[in-house]
Amino acid sequence: MASNVGGVAGSIIEKYMDRQATELSRDLNRIAQVERIGEGIKITLNSSILFGNDTYVLSNDPQEQLKKLAETLVTFKDTEILVAGHTDGVGDAKQNQVLSEKRAEALADFLQAHNVPQLRIVTQGFGEQTPKVSNNTPDGRRQNQRVEMAIVANQTLKKEAKREAAEKNVSKN
């Protein structure tokens, strides 16, 4: 899912992603951290807000924000989305792996139910393999229980950016 177009085309993609990140930050301000990374966007959603303890059923509380997330993803249609589930290191590693997969799938299913095409979404569970911080404290475990989304340019956006960059280059000459 890497993008890295670079040059004028990369700049066009970055502006597209900047606009999308601004909307996502507004939509998700209570439930997630939105970061611009390179030509992409990383969203970190706190699992304790999204899900009850040891479950993969989405809670009712964040659903309005998640609907706004879906609306923004539909508006900015020229992207691919990775939804990745993570758990803390407490409990059975195999169960944590399954839980992380099911949480990623639950968020992807929600997005699809709100008009984000399935073809744009890939899910992956990482279980307890990729902690952000130590699992030795309740706060550390809470931070490790998360769902992350990576949003990058799809082939359509890359081609359009390259075409637009070529037109700008021609008009300069």
C-alpha atoms as a PDB file:
ATOM      1  CA  MET A   1       0.000   0.000   0.000  1.00  0.00           C
ATOM      2  CA  ALA A   2       3.004   2.334  -0.232  1.00  0.00           C
ATOM      3  CA  SER A   3       2.613   5.524  -2.226  1.00  0.00           C
ATOM      4  CA  ASN A   4       5.780   7.644  -2.507  1.00  0.00           C
ATOM      5  CA  VAL A   5       5.140   9.327  -5.852  1.00  0.00           C
ATOM      6  CA  GLY A   6       7.394  12.326  -5.171  1.00  0.00           C
ATOM      7  CA  GLY A   7       7.923  15.568  -7.088  1.00  0.00           C
ATOM      8  CA  VAL A   8       5.005  17.688  -8.281  1.00  0.00           C
ATOM      9  CA  ALA A   9       2.710  14.642  -8.382  1.00  0.00           C
ATOM     10  CA  GLY A  10       3.643  13.851  -4.779  1.00  0.00           C
ATOM     11  CA  SER A  11       2.817  17.424  -3.817  1.00  0.00           C
ATOM     12  CA  ILE A  12      -0.624  17.080  -5.414  1.00  0.00           C
ATOM     13  CA  ILE A  13      -1.252  13.874  -3.448  1.00  0.00           C
ATOM     14  CA  GLU A  14      -0.022  15.519  -0.235  1.00  0.00           C
ATOM     15  CA  LYS A  15      -2.524  18.396  -0.662  1.00  0.00           C
ATOM     16  CA  TYR A  16      -5.338  15.869  -1.218  1.00  0.00           C
ATOM     17  CA  MET A  17      -4.294  13.974   1.902  1.00  0.00           C
ATOM     18  CA  ASP A  18      -3.905  17.207   3.912  1.00  0.00           C
ATOM     19  CA  ARG A  19      -7.533  18.128   3.151  1.00  0.00           C
ATOM     20  CA  GLN A  20      -8.665  14.638   4.097  1.00  0.00           C
ATOM     21  CA  ALA A  21      -6.609  14.629   7.330  1.00  0.00           C
ATOM     22  CA  THR A  22      -8.110  17.984   8.332  1.00  0.00           C
ATOM     23  CA  GLU A  23     -11.629  16.608   7.940  1.00  0.00           C
ATOM     24  CA  LEU A  24     -10.753  13.375   9.729  1.00  0.00           C
ATOM     25  CA  SER A  25      -9.212  15.271  12.651  1.00  0.00           C
ATOM     26  CA  ARG A  26     -12.416  17.267  12.993  1.00  0.00           C
ATOM     27  CA  ASP A  27     -14.623  14.162  12.673  1.00  0.00           C
ATOM     28  CA  LEU A  28     -12.655  12.012  15.112  1.00  0.00           C
ATOM     29  CA  ASN A  29     -11.371  14.547  17.654  1.00  0.00           C
ATOM     30  CA  ARG A  30     -12.871  12.681  20.636  1.00  0.00           C
ATOM     31  CA  ILE A  31     -11.970   9.133  19.714  1.00  0.00           C
ATOM     32  CA  ALA A  32      -8.768   9.086  17.666  1.00  0.00           C
ATOM     33  CA  GLN A  33      -5.410  10.596  16.875  1.00  0.00           C
ATOM     34  CA  VAL A  34      -4.937  11.577  13.218  1.00  0.00           C
ATOM     35  CA  GLU A  35      -1.395  11.997  11.860  1.00  0.00           C
ATOM     36  CA  ARG A  36      -0.060  12.880   8.423  1.00  0.00           C
ATOM     37  CA  ILE A  37       2.864  10.620   7.588  1.00  0.00           C
ATOM     38  CA  GLY A  38       4.580  11.102   4.228  1.00  0.00           C
ATOM     39  CA  GLU A  39       1.920  10.898   1.528  1.00  0.00           C
ATOM     40  CA  GLY A  40      -0.477   9.041   3.836  1.00  0.00           C
ATOM     41  CA  ILE A  41      -2.605   9.372   6.943  1.00  0.00           C
ATOM     42  CA  LYS A  42      -2.421   7.287  10.132  1.00  0.00           C
ATOM     43  CA  ILE A  43      -5.424   7.121  12.453  1.00  0.00           C
ATOM     44  CA  THR A  44      -5.116   5.526  15.887  1.00  0.00           C
ATOM     45  CA  LEU A  45      -8.455   4.665  17.499  1.00  0.00           C
ATOM     46  CA  ASN A  46      -8.574   3.696  21.156  1.00  0.00           C
ATOM     47  CA  SER A  47     -10.090   0.199  21.418  1.00  0.00           C
ATOM     48  CA  SER A  48     -11.537   0.906  24.868  1.00  0.00           C
ATOM     49  CA  ILE A  49     -13.720   3.572  23.232  1.00  0.00           C
ATOM     50  CA  LEU A  50     -14.628   1.410  20.223  1.00  0.00           C
ATOM     51  CA  PHE A  51     -15.228  -1.900  22.006  1.00  0.00           C
ATOM     52  CA  GLY A  52     -16.190  -3.317  25.370  1.00  0.00           C
ATOM     53  CA  ASN A  53     -13.624  -5.348  27.304  1.00  0.00           C
ATOM     54  CA  ASP A  54     -12.574  -8.521  25.416  1.00  0.00           C
ATOM     55  CA  THR A  55     -15.220  -8.082  22.715  1.00  0.00           C
ATOM     56  CA  TYR A  56     -15.185  -7.121  19.070  1.00  0.00           C
ATOM     57  CA  VAL A  57     -18.721  -5.701  18.925  1.00  0.00           C
ATOM     58  CA  LEU A  58     -18.584  -1.950  18.275  1.00  0.00           C
ATOM     59  CA  SER A  59     -19.886   0.181  21.157  1.00  0.00           C
ATOM     60  CA  ASN A  60     -22.745   2.583  20.517  1.00  0.00           C
ATOM     61  CA  ASP A  61     -20.911   5.658  21.855  1.00  0.00           C
ATOM     62  CA  PRO A  62     -18.434   6.271  18.995  1.00  0.00           C
ATOM     63  CA  GLN A  63     -20.803   5.407  16.153  1.00  0.00           C
ATOM     64  CA  GLU A  64     -21.665   9.010  15.231  1.00  0.00           C
ATOM     65  CA  GLN A  65     -17.958   9.808  14.842  1.00  0.00           C
ATOM     66  CA  LEU A  66     -17.438   6.579  12.896  1.00  0.00           C
ATOM     67  CA  LYS A  67     -20.282   7.539  10.544  1.00  0.00           C
ATOM     68  CA  LYS A  68     -18.478  10.840   9.916  1.00  0.00           C
ATOM     69  CA  LEU A  69     -15.275   8.875   9.306  1.00  0.00           C
ATOM     70  CA  ALA A  70     -17.103   6.784   6.699  1.00  0.00           C
ATOM     71  CA  GLU A  71     -18.573   9.909   5.054  1.00  0.00           C
ATOM     72  CA  THR A  72     -15.124  11.464   4.763  1.00  0.00           C
ATOM     73  CA  LEU A  73     -13.673   8.245   3.332  1.00  0.00           C
ATOM     74  CA  VAL A  74     -16.495   8.171   0.758  1.00  0.00           C
ATOM     75  CA  THR A  75     -15.830  11.819  -0.154  1.00  0.00           C
ATOM     76  CA  PHE A  76     -12.088  11.189  -0.571  1.00  0.00           C
ATOM     77  CA  LYS A  77     -12.633   8.093  -2.700  1.00  0.00           C
ATOM     78  CA  ASP A  78      -9.183   7.852  -4.288  1.00  0.00           C
ATOM     79  CA  THR A  79      -7.528   6.100  -1.355  1.00  0.00           C
ATOM     80  CA  GLU A  80      -6.844   2.617  -0.043  1.00  0.00           C
ATOM     81  CA  ILE A  81      -7.389   1.814   3.620  1.00  0.00           C
ATOM     82  CA  LEU A  82      -5.639  -0.662   5.905  1.00  0.00           C
ATOM     83  CA  VAL A  83      -7.512  -1.387   9.151  1.00  0.00           C
ATOM     84  CA  ALA A  84      -5.193  -3.029  11.695  1.00  0.00           C
ATOM     85  CA  GLY A  85      -6.193  -4.409  15.088  1.00  0.00           C
ATOM     86  CA  HIS A  86      -3.807  -4.615  18.058  1.00  0.00           C
ATOM     87  CA  THR A  87      -4.134  -5.950  21.610  1.00  0.00           C
ATOM     88  CA  ASP A  88      -2.190  -5.736  24.834  1.00  0.00           C
ATOM     89  CA  GLY A  89      -0.033  -8.639  26.030  1.00  0.00           C
ATOM     90  CA  VAL A  90      -2.437  -9.883  28.691  1.00  0.00           C
ATOM     91  CA  GLY A  91      -3.994 -13.304  28.172  1.00  0.00           C
ATOM     92  CA  ASP A  92      -3.493 -15.977  25.575  1.00  0.00           C
ATOM     93  CA  ALA A  93      -1.526 -14.850  22.501  1.00  0.00           C
ATOM     94  CA  LYS A  94      -3.728 -16.889  20.145  1.00  0.00           C
ATOM     95  CA  GLN A  95      -6.925 -15.363  21.584  1.00  0.00           C
ATOM     96  CA  ASN A  96      -5.370 -11.877  21.341  1.00  0.00           C
ATOM     97  CA  GLN A  97      -4.556 -12.530  17.685  1.00  0.00           C
ATOM     98  CA  VAL A  98      -8.152 -13.542  16.938  1.00  0.00           C
ATOM     99  CA  LEU A  99      -9.507 -10.567  18.912  1.00  0.00           C
ATOM    100  CA  SER A 100      -7.299  -8.125  16.965  1.00  0.00           C
ATOM    101  CA  GLU A 101      -8.437  -9.623  13.645  1.00  0.00           C
ATOM    102  CA  LYS A 102     -12.112  -9.501  14.609  1.00  0.00           C
ATOM    103  CA  ARG A 103     -11.839  -5.889  15.814  1.00  0.00           C
ATOM    104  CA  ALA A 104     -10.240  -4.817  12.529  1.00  0.00           C
ATOM    105  CA  GLU A 105     -12.962  -6.686  10.633  1.00  0.00           C
ATOM    106  CA  ALA A 106     -15.720  -5.121  12.782  1.00  0.00           C
ATOM    107  CA  LEU A 107     -14.535  -1.602  11.937  1.00  0.00           C
ATOM    108  CA  ALA A 108     -14.143  -2.521   8.258  1.00  0.00           C
ATOM    109  CA  ASP A 109     -17.677  -3.990   8.253  1.00  0.00           C
ATOM    110  CA  PHE A 110     -19.021  -0.781   9.801  1.00  0.00           C
ATOM    111  CA  LEU A 111     -17.313   1.328   7.137  1.00  0.00           C
ATOM    112  CA  GLN A 112     -18.662  -0.928   4.387  1.00  0.00           C
ATOM    113  CA  ALA A 113     -22.166  -0.678   5.856  1.00  0.00           C
ATOM    114  CA  HIS A 114     -21.766   3.099   5.513  1.00  0.00           C
ATOM    115  CA  ASN A 115     -20.842   3.052   1.815  1.00  0.00           C
ATOM    116  CA  VAL A 116     -17.057   2.655   1.872  1.00  0.00           C
ATOM    117  CA  PRO A 117     -16.416   0.062  -0.855  1.00  0.00           C
ATOM    118  CA  GLN A 118     -14.986  -3.236   0.350  1.00  0.00           C
ATOM    119  CA  LEU A 119     -12.395  -3.164  -2.451  1.00  0.00           C
ATOM    120  CA  ARG A 120     -10.728  -0.158  -0.794  1.00  0.00           C
ATOM    121  CA  ILE A 121     -10.280  -1.879   2.578  1.00  0.00           C
ATOM    122  CA  VAL A 122      -7.737  -4.441   3.769  1.00  0.00           C
ATOM    123  CA  THR A 123      -7.836  -5.761   7.347  1.00  0.00           C
ATOM    124  CA  GLN A 124      -5.072  -7.266   9.425  1.00  0.00           C
ATOM    125  CA  GLY A 125      -4.749  -8.340  13.036  1.00  0.00           C
ATOM    126  CA  PHE A 126      -1.424  -8.009  14.813  1.00  0.00           C
ATOM    127  CA  GLY A 127      -2.493  -9.368  18.202  1.00  0.00           C
ATOM    128  CA  GLU A 128       0.049  -8.463  20.859  1.00  0.00           C
ATOM    129  CA  GLN A 129       3.013  -8.430  18.408  1.00  0.00           C
ATOM    130  CA  THR A 130       3.349  -4.642  17.981  1.00  0.00           C
ATOM    131  CA  PRO A 131       2.916  -2.824  21.306  1.00  0.00           C
ATOM    132  CA  LYS A 132       3.334   0.959  21.303  1.00  0.00           C
ATOM    133  CA  VAL A 133       4.476   0.986  24.933  1.00  0.00           C
ATOM    134  CA  SER A 134       5.113  -1.444  27.784  1.00  0.00           C
ATOM    135  CA  ASN A 135       2.205  -3.629  28.896  1.00  0.00           C
ATOM    136  CA  ASN A 136       3.339  -3.304  32.544  1.00  0.00           C
ATOM    137  CA  THR A 137       0.776  -0.640  33.490  1.00  0.00           C
ATOM    138  CA  PRO A 138      -2.982  -0.277  32.947  1.00  0.00           C
ATOM    139  CA  ASP A 139      -2.324   2.862  30.849  1.00  0.00           C
ATOM    140  CA  GLY A 140       0.242   1.015  28.739  1.00  0.00           C
ATOM    141  CA  ARG A 141      -2.169  -1.847  28.116  1.00  0.00           C
ATOM    142  CA  ARG A 142      -4.903   0.638  27.183  1.00  0.00           C
ATOM    143  CA  GLN A 143      -2.591   2.313  24.641  1.00  0.00           C
ATOM    144  CA  ASN A 144      -1.697  -1.056  23.128  1.00  0.00           C
ATOM    145  CA  GLN A 145      -5.374  -1.982  22.679  1.00  0.00           C
ATOM    146  CA  ARG A 146      -6.016  -0.020  19.510  1.00  0.00           C
ATOM    147  CA  VAL A 147      -7.205  -0.097  15.944  1.00  0.00           C
ATOM    148  CA  GLU A 148      -5.042   1.781  13.464  1.00  0.00           C
ATOM    149  CA  MET A 149      -5.929   2.858   9.966  1.00  0.00           C
ATOM    150  CA  ALA A 150      -3.453   3.702   7.233  1.00  0.00           C
ATOM    151  CA  ILE A 151      -4.858   5.704   4.330  1.00  0.00           C
ATOM    152  CA  VAL A 152      -2.808   6.034   1.145  1.00  0.00           C
ATOM    153  CA  ALA A 153      -3.349   7.151  -2.444  1.00  0.00           C
ATOM    154  CA  ASN A 154      -4.792   4.554  -4.787  1.00  0.00           C
ATOM    155  CA  GLN A 155      -3.674   4.051  -8.390  1.00  0.00           C
ATOM    156  CA  THR A 156      -6.353   6.436  -9.705  1.00  0.00           C
ATOM    157  CA  LEU A 157      -5.098   9.299  -7.534  1.00  0.00           C
ATOM    158  CA  LYS A 158      -1.476   8.552  -8.420  1.00  0.00           C
ATOM    159  CA  LYS A 159      -2.253   8.569 -12.168  1.00  0.00           C
ATOM    160  CA  GLU A 160      -4.314  11.763 -11.869  1.00  0.00           C
ATOM    161  CA  ALA A 161      -1.547  13.479  -9.892  1.00  0.00           C
ATOM    162  CA  LYS A 162       1.053  12.456 -12.484  1.00  0.00           C
ATOM    163  CA  ARG A 163      -1.200  13.693 -15.319  1.00  0.00           C
ATOM    164  CA  GLU A 164      -1.796  17.006 -13.537  1.00  0.00           C
ATOM    165  CA  ALA A 165       1.924  17.367 -12.820  1.00  0.00           C
ATOM    166  CA  ALA A 166       2.733  16.729 -16.503  1.00  0.00           C
ATOM    167  CA  GLU A 167       0.170  19.375 -17.552  1.00  0.00           C
ATOM    168  CA  LYS A 168       1.719  21.893 -15.154  1.00  0.00           C
ATOM    169  CA  ASN A 169       5.151  21.087 -16.567  1.00  0.00           C
ATOM    170  CA  VAL A 170       3.911  21.538 -20.166  1.00  0.00           C
ATOM    171  CA  SER A 171       2.238  24.863 -19.336  1.00  0.00           C
ATOM    172  CA  LYS A 172       5.518  26.137 -17.850  1.00  0.00           C
ATOM    173  CA  ASN A 173       7.404  25.461 -21.103  1.00  0.00           C
END
